[in-house]
Protein backbone atom coordinates (compact mmCIF):
# COMPACT_ATOMS: atom_id res chain seq x y z
CA MET A 1 0.00 0.00 0.00
CA LYS A 2 1.38 3.44 -0.95
CA PHE A 3 0.73 6.67 0.92
CA SER A 4 1.10 10.20 -0.41
CA LEU A 5 3.72 12.50 1.06
CA GLY A 6 0.92 14.77 2.27
CA PHE A 7 -0.74 11.92 4.15
CA LEU A 8 2.53 10.89 5.78
CA LEU A 9 3.21 14.49 6.85
CA LEU A 10 -0.28 14.69 8.33
CA ILE A 11 0.31 11.52 10.34
CA ALA A 12 3.69 12.83 11.51
CA LYS A 13 2.11 16.13 12.58
CA ALA A 14 -0.62 14.33 14.53
CA TYR A 15 2.04 12.18 16.20
CA VAL A 16 4.00 15.22 17.34
CA ASN A 17 0.91 17.20 18.36
CA ALA A 18 0.01 14.33 20.70
CA GLN A 19 2.88 15.57 22.88
CA HIS A 20 0.77 18.70 23.61
CA ASN A 21 -1.91 16.60 25.35
CA PRO A 22 -1.59 16.50 29.18
CA HIS A 23 -4.06 13.57 29.44
CA PHE A 24 -6.23 15.20 32.08
CA TRP A 25 -9.35 13.42 33.21
CA PRO A 26 -12.58 15.07 31.94
CA GLY A 27 -13.51 18.12 33.99
CA ARG A 28 -9.96 18.61 35.23
CA SER A 29 -7.32 21.21 34.36
CA THR A 30 -4.12 22.81 35.59
CA ILE A 31 -0.77 21.42 36.67
CA VAL A 32 0.50 22.23 40.15
CA HIS A 33 4.24 22.12 40.80
CA LEU A 34 4.64 20.45 44.20
CA PHE A 35 8.20 21.69 44.46
CA GLU A 36 10.44 19.31 46.47
CA TRP A 37 7.57 17.34 48.00
CA LYS A 38 8.10 13.75 49.13
CA PHE A 39 6.36 11.03 47.09
CA SER A 40 4.34 9.83 50.09
CA ASP A 41 3.07 13.37 50.74
CA ILE A 42 2.20 13.82 47.06
CA ALA A 43 0.14 10.61 47.14
CA ASP A 44 -1.74 11.86 50.19
CA GLU A 45 -2.33 15.25 48.56
CA CYS A 46 -3.70 13.63 45.40
CA GLU A 47 -6.33 11.77 47.39
CA ARG A 48 -7.28 14.32 50.02
CA PHE A 49 -7.13 17.58 48.04
CA LEU A 50 -6.04 17.66 44.40
CA ALA A 51 -8.52 15.14 43.00
CA PRO A 52 -11.52 16.44 45.01
CA ASN A 53 -10.73 19.98 43.86
CA GLY A 54 -10.33 19.23 40.15
CA PHE A 55 -6.58 19.60 39.64
CA GLY A 56 -5.35 17.84 36.50
CA GLY A 57 -1.78 16.93 37.34
CA ILE A 58 1.45 17.49 39.24
CA GLN A 59 4.91 18.52 38.14
CA LEU A 60 7.46 16.66 40.24
CA SER A 61 10.96 17.82 41.08
CA PRO A 62 13.68 15.62 39.50
CA VAL A 63 13.34 12.06 40.78
CA ASN A 64 16.60 10.47 39.65
CA GLU A 65 19.84 10.30 41.62
CA TYR A 66 21.71 13.58 41.97
CA VAL A 67 24.83 14.84 43.71
CA ILE A 68 24.77 15.63 47.43
CA VAL A 69 25.63 19.27 48.09
CA GLN A 70 25.90 20.58 51.63
CA ILE A 71 26.23 24.30 52.25
CA GLY A 72 26.53 24.89 55.98
CA ASP A 73 23.48 23.35 57.60
CA ASN A 74 21.43 23.28 54.39
CA ARG A 75 21.08 21.31 51.17
CA PRO A 76 20.26 23.63 48.23
CA TRP A 77 17.27 22.96 45.99
CA TRP A 78 19.47 23.04 42.87
CA GLU A 79 21.39 19.88 43.77
CA ARG A 80 18.51 17.97 42.14
CA TYR A 81 19.54 19.47 38.81
CA GLN A 82 23.01 17.87 38.95
CA PRO A 83 22.35 14.25 37.92
CA MET A 84 24.60 11.37 38.93
CA SER A 85 22.61 8.50 37.43
CA PHE A 86 19.15 7.62 36.16
CA LYS A 87 18.25 5.53 39.22
CA ILE A 88 14.97 6.58 40.88
CA ILE A 89 16.25 7.78 44.23
CA SER A 90 16.03 11.25 45.77
CA ARG A 91 15.15 13.04 48.97
CA SER A 92 11.55 12.50 47.90
CA GLY A 93 11.85 8.71 48.06
CA ASP A 94 12.93 5.63 46.13
CA GLU A 95 11.43 3.77 43.19
CA GLN A 96 8.95 1.83 45.32
CA ASP A 97 7.74 5.07 46.89
CA PHE A 98 7.42 6.55 43.40
CA LEU A 99 5.36 3.62 42.14
CA ASP A 100 3.04 3.75 45.15
CA MET A 101 2.51 7.48 44.56
CA SER A 102 1.88 6.91 40.85
CA ARG A 103 -0.70 4.21 41.46
CA ARG A 104 -2.56 6.28 44.03
CA CYS A 105 -2.52 9.55 42.08
CA ASN A 106 -3.49 7.98 38.76
CA ALA A 107 -6.28 6.05 40.47
CA VAL A 108 -7.96 9.33 41.41
CA GLY A 109 -7.21 11.00 38.08
CA VAL A 110 -4.25 13.19 38.96
CA ARG A 111 -1.50 12.87 36.35
CA LEU A 112 2.26 13.04 37.00
CA TYR A 113 4.91 14.91 35.01
CA VAL A 114 8.55 14.43 35.95
CA ASP A 115 11.12 17.20 35.68
CA VAL A 116 14.07 15.59 33.86
CA ALA A 117 17.58 16.99 33.40
CA ILE A 118 19.09 15.33 30.34
CA ASN A 119 21.21 18.23 29.09
CA HIS A 120 24.09 17.68 31.50
CA MET A 121 25.50 15.80 34.47
CA ALA A 122 26.77 16.94 37.87
CA ALA A 123 29.66 19.40 38.22
CA HIS A 124 29.91 19.54 42.01
CA SER A 125 32.83 17.77 43.67
CA PRO A 126 33.20 15.59 45.58
CA ALA A 127 30.62 13.87 43.39
CA VAL A 128 28.72 11.44 45.59
CA GLY A 129 25.11 10.75 44.71
CA ILE A 130 22.17 10.39 47.04
CA GLY A 131 21.95 6.73 46.00
CA GLY A 132 25.66 6.07 46.56
CA SER A 133 26.95 6.53 43.02
CA THR A 134 30.29 8.27 42.61
CA ALA A 135 31.72 10.21 39.67
CA VAL A 136 34.67 12.31 38.57
CA PRO A 137 33.05 15.28 36.82
CA GLY A 138 36.40 16.71 35.71
CA ASN A 139 37.09 13.51 33.76
CA ARG A 140 33.47 13.26 32.57
CA ASP A 141 33.31 9.83 34.21
CA PHE A 142 29.83 8.87 35.49
CA PRO A 143 29.79 5.08 36.04
CA GLY A 144 26.30 5.18 37.54
CA VAL A 145 24.80 5.55 34.03
CA PRO A 146 27.46 4.90 32.63
CA PHE A 147 28.70 7.95 30.71
CA THR A 148 32.34 8.56 29.77
CA ILE A 149 34.15 11.51 28.23
CA ALA A 150 33.19 10.26 24.76
CA ASP A 151 29.51 11.03 25.58
CA PHE A 152 30.06 14.75 26.21
CA ASN A 153 30.63 17.81 24.08
CA PRO A 154 34.13 19.29 24.31
CA SER A 155 34.49 21.44 27.41
CA CYS A 156 33.72 25.13 26.81
CA ALA A 157 31.99 27.94 28.65
CA ILE A 158 29.03 29.90 27.31
CA THR A 159 30.63 33.32 26.86
CA ASP A 160 28.39 34.61 24.07
CA TRP A 161 24.66 34.13 24.63
CA GLY A 162 24.10 35.49 21.14
CA ASN A 163 25.77 32.39 19.71
CA ALA A 164 23.24 29.54 19.44
CA ILE A 165 25.99 26.96 18.94
CA GLN A 166 27.64 27.96 22.21
CA VAL A 167 24.31 27.99 24.03
CA ARG A 168 23.62 24.42 22.93
CA ASN A 169 27.06 22.82 22.83
CA CYS A 170 28.88 24.48 25.73
CA GLU A 171 28.45 24.11 29.48
CA LEU A 172 25.52 25.76 31.27
CA LEU A 173 26.90 27.01 34.59
CA GLY A 174 29.91 24.73 34.17
CA LEU A 175 27.80 21.54 34.06
CA PRO A 176 29.30 18.77 31.87
CA ASP A 177 27.33 19.00 28.62
CA LEU A 178 26.04 15.74 27.17
CA ASN A 179 26.08 15.27 23.41
CA GLN A 180 22.54 14.26 22.44
CA GLY A 181 23.75 13.88 18.85
CA ILE A 182 25.30 10.54 19.81
CA GLN A 183 22.88 7.62 19.47
CA THR A 184 24.14 5.74 22.53
CA VAL A 185 23.64 8.87 24.64
CA ARG A 186 20.09 9.24 23.33
CA ASP A 187 19.44 5.54 23.93
CA LYS A 188 20.29 5.88 27.63
CA MET A 189 18.03 8.91 27.93
CA VAL A 190 15.17 7.08 26.20
CA GLU A 191 15.69 4.09 28.51
CA PHE A 192 15.32 6.43 31.49
CA LEU A 193 12.18 8.10 30.11
CA ASP A 194 10.72 4.72 29.14
CA HIS A 195 11.21 3.49 32.70
CA LEU A 196 9.26 6.47 34.03
CA VAL A 197 6.53 5.72 31.48
CA ASP A 198 6.41 2.16 32.81
CA LEU A 199 5.93 3.66 36.28
CA GLY A 200 2.85 5.58 35.14
CA VAL A 201 3.90 9.13 34.30
CA ALA A 202 1.89 11.20 31.82
CA GLY A 203 4.78 13.30 30.60
CA PHE A 204 7.86 15.33 31.34
CA ARG A 205 9.24 18.79 31.94
CA ILE A 206 12.45 18.96 29.91
CA ASP A 207 14.89 21.05 31.91
CA ALA A 208 17.23 23.30 29.89
CA ALA A 209 15.63 22.31 26.57
CA LYS A 210 17.02 25.56 25.18
CA HIS A 211 20.50 24.10 25.58
CA MET A 212 19.78 21.06 23.38
CA TRP A 213 19.26 20.90 19.62
CA PRO A 214 15.58 20.56 18.60
CA GLY A 215 16.48 17.82 16.12
CA ASP A 216 18.08 15.73 18.86
CA LEU A 217 15.09 16.22 21.14
CA GLU A 218 12.71 15.23 18.35
CA ILE A 219 14.54 11.91 17.99
CA ILE A 220 14.51 11.31 21.75
CA TYR A 221 10.82 12.17 22.15
CA GLY A 222 9.87 10.06 19.15
CA ALA A 223 11.66 7.02 20.59
CA VAL A 224 9.88 7.15 23.97
CA LYS A 225 7.31 4.40 24.26
CA PRO A 226 3.56 5.14 24.43
CA LEU A 227 2.10 5.76 27.87
CA ASN A 228 1.30 2.77 30.06
CA THR A 229 -2.32 1.67 29.62
CA ASP A 230 -2.19 0.04 33.07
CA PHE A 231 -2.49 3.57 34.49
CA GLY A 232 -5.59 4.49 32.50
CA PHE A 233 -3.99 6.01 29.40
CA ALA A 234 -5.52 5.32 26.00
CA SER A 235 -3.56 2.94 23.79
CA GLY A 236 -0.92 4.76 21.75
CA SER A 237 -0.93 7.91 23.93
CA ARG A 238 2.23 9.99 23.74
CA ALA A 239 3.99 11.65 26.68
CA PHE A 240 3.09 15.29 27.30
CA MET A 241 6.14 17.56 26.93
CA MET A 242 6.82 20.82 28.79
CA GLN A 243 10.06 22.25 27.41
CA GLU A 244 12.01 24.85 29.34
CA VAL A 245 13.08 27.48 26.82
CA ILE A 246 13.84 30.82 28.45
CA ASP A 247 13.12 33.28 25.65
CA LEU A 248 12.97 36.89 26.79
CA GLY A 249 12.74 38.54 23.40
CA PRO A 250 14.29 39.20 19.97
CA HIS A 251 17.83 39.48 21.34
CA GLU A 252 17.84 35.74 22.14
CA SER A 253 19.85 33.47 19.85
CA VAL A 254 17.62 30.46 20.67
CA ARG A 255 13.90 31.06 20.19
CA LYS A 256 10.85 29.28 21.53
CA TRP A 257 9.43 28.82 18.02
CA GLU A 258 12.19 26.28 17.36
CA TYR A 259 10.62 23.90 19.90
CA ASN A 260 6.85 24.32 19.97
CA HIS A 261 6.24 21.72 17.25
CA LEU A 262 7.61 19.16 19.74
CA GLY A 263 5.35 20.01 22.67
CA THR A 264 4.44 22.90 24.94
CA VAL A 265 7.08 25.50 25.76
CA THR A 266 7.50 27.59 28.91
CA GLU A 267 6.15 31.08 28.10
CA PHE A 268 8.30 33.23 30.35
CA MET A 269 7.02 36.42 28.74
CA TYR A 270 3.48 35.61 29.89
CA SER A 271 4.81 35.57 33.45
CA PHE A 272 6.42 38.95 32.88
CA TYR A 273 3.40 40.60 31.21
CA VAL A 274 0.88 39.42 33.81
CA GLY A 275 3.23 40.26 36.68
CA ARG A 276 3.94 43.72 35.30
CA ALA A 277 0.23 44.50 35.02
CA PHE A 278 -0.82 43.27 38.46
CA ARG A 279 2.19 44.92 40.10
CA GLY A 280 0.76 48.19 38.77
CA ASN A 281 3.60 48.80 36.31
CA ASP A 282 1.23 48.55 33.34
CA LEU A 283 -2.50 49.06 32.86
CA LEU A 284 -4.79 46.05 33.24
CA ARG A 285 -6.82 47.24 30.26
CA TRP A 286 -4.06 46.11 27.88
CA LEU A 287 -4.59 42.47 28.88
CA SER A 288 -7.73 42.18 26.74
CA ASP A 289 -5.82 40.58 23.86
CA LEU A 290 -2.90 38.95 25.68
CA GLY A 291 -1.63 36.21 23.39
CA GLU A 292 0.03 35.77 20.02
CA ASP A 293 -0.34 39.48 19.18
CA TRP A 294 2.04 40.10 22.08
CA GLY A 295 4.65 37.75 20.63
CA LEU A 296 3.56 34.73 22.65
CA LEU A 297 3.33 31.23 21.25
CA PRO A 298 -0.09 29.91 20.16
CA THR A 299 -2.30 28.99 23.09
CA THR A 300 -1.97 25.23 22.48
CA ASP A 301 1.83 25.50 22.60
CA SER A 302 2.16 27.79 25.63
CA LEU A 303 2.84 26.58 29.15
CA VAL A 304 1.84 29.63 31.18
CA PHE A 305 2.49 30.52 34.81
CA VAL A 306 2.59 33.49 37.14
CA ASP A 307 5.88 32.29 38.61
CA ASN A 308 8.02 29.17 38.67
CA HIS A 309 10.71 27.82 40.95
CA ASP A 310 13.42 29.71 39.03
CA ASN A 311 11.99 33.17 38.49
CA GLN A 312 10.55 33.38 42.00
CA ARG A 313 14.24 33.26 43.00
CA GLY A 314 15.32 35.82 40.42
CA HIS A 315 16.69 33.26 37.96
CA GLY A 316 15.81 33.20 34.28
CA SER A 317 14.00 36.54 34.21
CA GLY A 318 16.81 38.88 33.20
CA SER A 319 16.04 42.59 33.54
CA GLN A 320 12.35 41.72 33.95
CA GLY A 321 12.81 40.05 37.33
CA GLY A 322 11.34 43.00 39.21
CA ASN A 323 7.98 42.36 37.57
CA ILE A 324 7.66 38.71 38.59
CA LEU A 325 5.02 38.09 41.25
CA THR A 326 5.41 35.48 43.99
CA HIS A 327 3.46 34.35 47.05
CA VAL A 328 5.13 37.15 49.02
CA ASP A 329 3.04 39.64 47.02
CA PHE A 330 -0.08 37.81 48.15
CA ARG A 331 -2.80 40.27 46.99
CA ALA A 332 -1.38 40.87 43.52
CA TYR A 333 -0.37 37.21 43.25
CA LYS A 334 -3.92 36.00 43.91
CA MET A 335 -5.28 38.48 41.38
CA ALA A 336 -2.76 37.45 38.72
CA THR A 337 -3.44 33.74 39.30
CA ALA A 338 -7.20 34.35 39.13
CA PHE A 339 -6.67 36.12 35.80
CA ALA A 340 -4.52 33.26 34.47
CA ALA A 341 -7.15 30.72 35.51
CA ALA A 342 -10.08 32.64 33.98
CA TYR A 343 -8.42 33.98 30.82
CA PRO A 344 -8.53 31.43 27.97
CA PHE A 345 -4.88 31.19 27.03
CA GLY A 346 -2.28 28.47 27.44
CA GLN A 347 -1.80 25.37 29.52
CA LEU A 348 -1.74 26.65 33.10
CA ARG A 349 0.77 25.57 35.72
CA ILE A 350 0.70 26.99 39.24
CA MET A 351 3.43 27.01 41.84
CA SER A 352 3.31 25.39 45.28
CA SER A 353 6.32 26.63 47.20
CA PHE A 354 8.17 26.47 50.46
CA PHE A 355 9.25 29.58 52.35
CA PHE A 356 12.88 30.62 51.89
CA SER A 357 15.10 33.37 53.22
CA ASP A 358 17.83 32.97 50.60
CA THR A 359 17.54 31.85 47.01
CA GLU A 360 19.63 28.68 47.42
CA GLN A 361 17.74 27.33 50.41
CA GLY A 362 16.36 23.81 50.13
CA PRO A 363 13.01 22.52 51.39
CA PRO A 364 12.07 22.29 55.07
CA ALA A 365 14.16 19.49 56.57
CA ASP A 366 15.26 18.01 59.88
CA ALA A 367 18.82 17.89 61.24
CA ASN A 368 19.55 14.84 59.07
CA PHE A 369 18.36 16.61 55.89
CA ASN A 370 15.19 14.53 55.67
CA ILE A 371 12.41 16.59 54.09
CA ILE A 372 9.68 17.48 56.58
CA SER A 373 6.11 16.81 55.47
CA PRO A 374 3.70 19.74 55.15
CA SER A 375 1.32 19.92 58.05
CA ILE A 376 -2.30 20.70 57.24
CA ASN A 377 -3.88 23.37 59.44
CA ALA A 378 -7.53 23.48 60.46
CA ASP A 379 -8.27 26.07 57.77
CA GLY A 380 -6.70 23.87 55.06
CA SER A 381 -3.48 25.88 54.76
CA CYS A 382 -0.04 24.34 55.20
CA GLY A 383 2.50 24.58 57.98
CA ASN A 384 6.03 23.32 58.67
CA GLY A 385 7.55 25.89 56.31
CA TRP A 386 5.39 25.10 53.25
CA VAL A 387 3.44 27.82 51.42
CA CYS A 388 1.04 25.57 49.44
CA GLU A 389 -0.38 28.31 47.19
CA HIS A 390 -2.56 25.65 45.53
CA ARG A 391 -4.49 25.40 48.80
CA TRP A 392 -5.27 29.11 49.01
CA ARG A 393 -9.04 29.35 48.66
CA GLN A 394 -8.83 32.04 46.01
CA ILE A 395 -6.58 29.85 43.84
CA THR A 396 -8.33 26.53 44.47
CA ASN A 397 -11.71 28.04 43.65
CA MET A 398 -10.40 29.63 40.47
CA ILE A 399 -9.17 26.24 39.25
CA ASN A 400 -12.76 25.08 39.70
CA PHE A 401 -13.92 28.17 37.75
CA ARG A 402 -11.51 27.16 34.97
CA ASN A 403 -12.83 23.61 34.95
CA VAL A 404 -16.50 24.62 34.94
CA CYS A 405 -16.07 27.18 32.14
CA TRP A 406 -13.48 25.36 30.04
CA GLY A 407 -14.05 25.91 26.32
CA THR A 408 -16.55 28.74 26.67
CA PRO A 409 -15.98 31.99 24.71
CA PHE A 410 -14.21 35.07 26.05
CA THR A 411 -16.86 37.82 26.01
CA ASN A 412 -18.05 41.08 27.60
CA TRP A 413 -14.62 42.59 28.10
CA TRP A 414 -14.99 45.80 30.10
CA SER A 415 -12.48 48.27 31.48
CA ASN A 416 -12.51 51.78 32.84
CA GLY A 417 -9.57 52.54 30.57
CA GLU A 418 -7.09 51.95 33.39
CA ASN A 419 -6.86 49.29 36.11
CA LYS A 420 -10.42 48.06 36.52
CA ILE A 421 -11.39 45.20 34.21
CA ALA A 422 -14.01 42.49 33.89
CA PHE A 423 -14.97 39.77 31.44
CA SER A 424 -17.27 36.80 30.99
CA ARG A 425 -16.71 33.23 29.88
CA GLY A 426 -19.78 32.67 27.72
CA ASN A 427 -22.86 32.30 29.91
CA CYS A 428 -20.84 30.27 32.40
CA GLY A 429 -18.66 32.62 34.43
CA PHE A 430 -17.80 36.24 35.16
CA ILE A 431 -14.79 37.85 36.85
CA ALA A 432 -13.83 41.43 37.77
CA PHE A 433 -10.65 43.08 39.08
CA ASN A 434 -9.90 46.37 40.79
CA ASN A 435 -6.20 47.20 40.79
CA GLN A 436 -6.83 50.94 41.06
CA PHE A 437 -5.87 51.73 44.62
CA GLN A 438 -7.23 55.28 44.49
CA GLN A 439 -10.80 54.29 43.60
CA ASP A 440 -13.49 51.85 44.63
CA MET A 441 -15.09 49.82 41.87
CA LEU A 442 -18.87 50.11 41.71
CA GLU A 443 -20.30 49.28 38.30
CA ILE A 444 -23.38 47.73 36.73
CA LEU A 445 -21.92 45.16 34.30
CA GLN A 446 -23.20 42.53 31.92
CA THR A 447 -22.27 39.05 33.19
CA ASN A 448 -24.10 36.91 30.58
CA LEU A 449 -25.16 34.62 33.43
CA PRO A 450 -28.73 33.46 34.11
CA ALA A 451 -30.65 35.38 36.76
CA GLY A 452 -30.06 34.35 40.36
CA VAL A 453 -27.96 34.80 43.45
CA TYR A 454 -24.34 33.66 43.12
CA CYS A 455 -21.58 33.11 45.65
CA ASP A 456 -18.38 35.02 44.99
CA VAL A 457 -15.83 32.19 44.94
CA ILE A 458 -12.96 34.53 45.82
CA SER A 459 -14.31 35.70 49.17
CA GLY A 460 -15.84 32.35 50.12
CA ASP A 461 -17.60 29.18 49.05
CA LYS A 462 -21.07 27.97 48.24
CA VAL A 463 -22.07 25.97 51.32
CA GLY A 464 -25.43 24.30 50.84
CA ASN A 465 -27.88 27.12 50.13
CA GLU A 466 -25.68 29.85 51.55
CA CYS A 467 -22.50 31.75 50.69
CA SER A 468 -19.69 31.81 53.21
CA GLY A 469 -18.42 34.99 51.54
CA LYS A 470 -20.08 37.68 49.43
CA SER A 471 -23.08 37.11 47.20
CA ILE A 472 -23.85 38.70 43.82
CA THR A 473 -27.36 39.09 42.40
CA VAL A 474 -27.67 38.74 38.63
CA LEU A 475 -30.80 40.33 37.15
CA THR A 476 -32.99 38.84 34.43
CA ASP A 477 -31.09 40.76 31.74
CA GLY A 478 -27.75 39.33 32.92
CA ARG A 479 -26.51 42.52 34.57
CA ALA A 480 -25.17 42.71 38.13
CA SER A 481 -23.89 45.34 40.53
CA ILE A 482 -20.15 44.71 40.97
CA SER A 483 -18.45 46.26 43.98
CA ILE A 484 -14.74 45.89 44.83
CA PRO A 485 -13.42 48.45 47.32
CA ARG A 486 -10.04 50.03 46.61
CA ASP A 487 -8.59 48.39 49.73
CA ALA A 488 -10.26 45.00 49.25
CA TYR A 489 -8.19 42.13 50.63
CA ASP A 490 -8.29 40.26 47.31
CA GLY A 491 -9.06 42.91 44.65
CA VAL A 492 -11.02 40.40 42.55
CA MET A 493 -14.44 38.75 42.52
CA ALA A 494 -15.65 35.78 40.47
CA ILE A 495 -18.89 33.88 39.99
CA HIS A 496 -19.83 30.94 37.80
CA ILE A 497 -22.84 28.81 37.02
CA GLU A 498 -22.09 26.25 39.73
CA SER A 499 -21.79 28.95 42.40
CA ARG A 500 -25.47 29.91 41.95
CA LEU A 501 -27.69 29.25 44.99
C-alpha cells in the first residue's frame, strides 16, 4: 500500500501534536508544581485535596539520583539538577515510593509529570550521589549511568549568549554538557524516560531544553514508548512535553518557536506581562488581547504561569525580574493567578512553594536533611515551612472556575480605561478586578449569566444554600452590581454557574 507524502506528513504532525496533550481526566485542568515534596506526601495530597478539587496533574521535582551538596546546615534545591545516574532515588523517596505514589494519584485521576535533566550531568565535587553513586566530573566519568568523556561535548563555557551553537554545545553554569547527537547517549536517555513511562507518568518537563538541539530532542521524544495503559492512558498515547526554553525577546539566539512543534514551551514572557500588570507597572486594560499578538506562542503550545521555581528566585528573568510576582506579594499574586485561571490562554501551571530566606535554600528538613512533610492546618493551609499556594481558597476556587467554564468563549470585556477590568466566559462565568488603589469599583456590568444569586468564589464558598463569603445578584437581563473596594483584601471577585444558589 502506498501513501502520499501529504498523508505521511499529516500523520507525523498528529504524532507530534500528541505531545501537547496533558491527558487530564474530563472536567480537570491545571498542573501544580509540588516543588520538592516527598512522594508519600504527594500521594496523600492527590487523594485528600487535588482530586476532590479538580486539579489535573502534578509537576514533580527531579526524581533520579543527583549529587549531594551541603552548604553549611542546608542542602540547596538546585542539587537535584546535577544528575549522577538515572536511578529513581532522591530526597523525595525511592522507586517503590514513586510507584506507590503513581498508582494512588493515577487512580484518582491526577496525572504526574517528571522534571528531567538530560542536558548535563553533575559538576559539584566531591561527586557522591544520594543513592551512593560516585563520579569524577572533571574527567566526565559517570559510572552510575554509565557515561564517559566520549559522551560529552568538548568542554567550553558559554561566553556569548548570542551564539546559538555555544548555548547548545557548551556548558551551562559549568555543568558537563552531554552530546545528544550521539545515538548511545540518546538511547540511555530514552531508557530512562521509558522506565518512568512504565511507572505511570503522563509526561515530562524537559529542563534546559534551550541548551539542546531541537532535532536531537525530536529523535529522543519520538523514541519514547507510548504511555502505560495500566495507568488508564488510551492505547498509543504519547507523553506530554513541557520544554524549558527561556526566551525573553528578539535578542535571544535560541527562540521558543524552534521547539513548539515538539510540545508545549514555557512562556516566560506571559509571566512577565501578567506580573507587570498586576504589580501596577502597566494598565490592566491592555490584557484584553494577551496572546500571540504580544509575541507569545499559540495557546496550544504555551505553558503559562505566574511564577516558577526559578523566576521566584530571580533566575531566568533577566532585567524583567522586578515584575515577577510570587506568594510574598499575596494580593497581587492571587489576582494574577485568578486572571490566568479565567483567561482562555495556554496550559496553566501553578506554583506550590516552600518559604525561603535565601535563594539557594532547600526545602524544610530536619537535622539529618530529611524533608519534613507539610502539616495541614484546620483552615486547610499548610504549615512546617510550606506555602502551598494551591491550597489558598482564592486559587483553588479559580481552578474550579476554569474547569466549569473550560471551552466557553471570552466575552463582555470591560475596562474603565485603566486598572479596573471584567470579562465573561460565555454564559458560564464572570470575573472582575480592581487594581486601582485610588478608587473603589462600583459598576453595573453585563455578566451573561442566568438570573439568580451567586456566591463570589474569591471571598468564600457555596455551602449548601448559603454563601460563606459575598453574594452577587444577577438580574434577568444578565446585569449585576459589581463592587470591589479600593482596599479589598483580594481585589477580585468571580462567579460561575455552579456557584449559583
